[in-house]
Protein backbone atom coordinates (compact mmCIF):
# COMPACT_ATOMS: atom_id res chain seq x y z
CA MET A 1 0.00 0.00 0.00
CA ILE A 2 1.13 3.53 -0.74
CA PHE A 3 -0.09 6.31 1.54
CA ASP A 4 0.90 9.80 0.40
CA ASP A 5 -1.08 12.96 -0.28
CA ASN A 6 1.18 13.95 -3.18
CA GLU A 7 0.04 12.38 -6.45
CA ILE A 8 3.48 12.66 -8.05
CA ILE A 9 5.13 10.87 -5.14
CA ARG A 10 2.49 8.11 -5.25
CA HIS A 11 3.06 7.71 -8.98
CA LYS A 12 6.87 7.48 -8.62
CA LEU A 13 6.57 5.01 -5.73
CA ARG A 14 4.10 2.92 -7.75
CA LEU A 15 6.58 2.73 -10.65
CA LEU A 16 9.41 1.79 -8.31
CA LEU A 17 7.44 -0.90 -6.49
CA LYS A 18 5.93 -2.37 -9.66
CA ALA A 19 9.47 -3.06 -10.90
CA ASN A 20 9.37 -6.12 -8.63
CA ASP A 21 7.14 -8.69 -10.32
CA ASP A 22 6.38 -10.40 -7.00
CA TRP A 23 4.75 -7.28 -5.49
CA THR A 24 1.23 -5.96 -6.01
CA ILE A 25 -0.01 -2.57 -4.90
CA CYS A 26 -3.38 -3.29 -3.33
CA ALA A 27 -4.37 0.31 -2.51
CA GLU A 28 -3.33 3.93 -2.27
CA ALA A 29 -4.50 6.62 0.13
CA ILE A 30 -4.27 10.40 0.14
CA ASN A 31 -4.62 11.04 3.89
CA GLY A 32 -4.20 9.23 7.18
CA ARG A 33 -7.85 8.40 7.75
CA ASP A 34 -8.14 6.94 4.26
CA ALA A 35 -4.92 5.00 4.93
CA VAL A 36 -6.27 3.42 8.12
CA GLU A 37 -9.57 2.49 6.44
CA LYS A 38 -7.85 0.89 3.46
CA ALA A 39 -5.30 -0.95 5.61
CA GLN A 40 -8.14 -2.46 7.65
CA ARG A 41 -9.85 -3.54 4.44
CA PHE A 42 -6.86 -4.86 2.46
CA HIS A 43 -4.45 -6.12 5.18
CA PRO A 44 -1.24 -5.27 3.30
CA ASP A 45 2.08 -6.99 3.90
CA PHE A 46 4.01 -3.77 3.37
CA VAL A 47 3.08 -0.09 3.77
CA VAL A 48 4.83 3.05 2.50
CA LEU A 49 3.43 5.75 4.78
CA ASP A 50 4.04 9.48 4.38
CA TYR A 51 5.00 11.29 7.56
CA CYS A 52 3.06 14.48 6.78
CA MET A 53 -0.49 14.05 5.40
CA PRO A 54 -3.73 15.95 5.92
CA THR A 55 -6.54 14.79 8.23
CA MET A 56 -4.25 12.35 10.10
CA ASP A 57 -0.50 12.28 9.56
CA GLY A 58 1.64 9.18 9.24
CA LEU A 59 2.74 9.30 12.88
CA GLU A 60 -0.88 9.27 14.03
CA ALA A 61 -1.87 6.50 11.61
CA ALA A 62 1.14 4.21 12.18
CA PRO A 63 0.38 3.01 15.74
CA MET A 64 -3.26 2.29 14.95
CA PRO A 65 -4.66 -1.15 15.82
CA TRP A 66 -4.89 -2.11 12.13
CA LEU A 67 -1.14 -2.74 12.21
CA GLU A 68 -1.59 -5.54 14.73
CA SER A 69 -3.81 -7.48 12.32
CA ILE A 70 -1.30 -7.29 9.46
């Protein structure tokens, strides 16, 4: 999963991560609340989480309970 409010950064990260054929990007989010919701829904193995996002930043989203279920 890629969580970043900047579309250009998400695009560049997507290109970088897709270079590995074994990886699939299951979701992207543009703010912390969206990130938590999508992580609960998709249960990713790996998360790229932006530190500074609107609504809820990466530091607020990272320790959420959804991480324990991943």
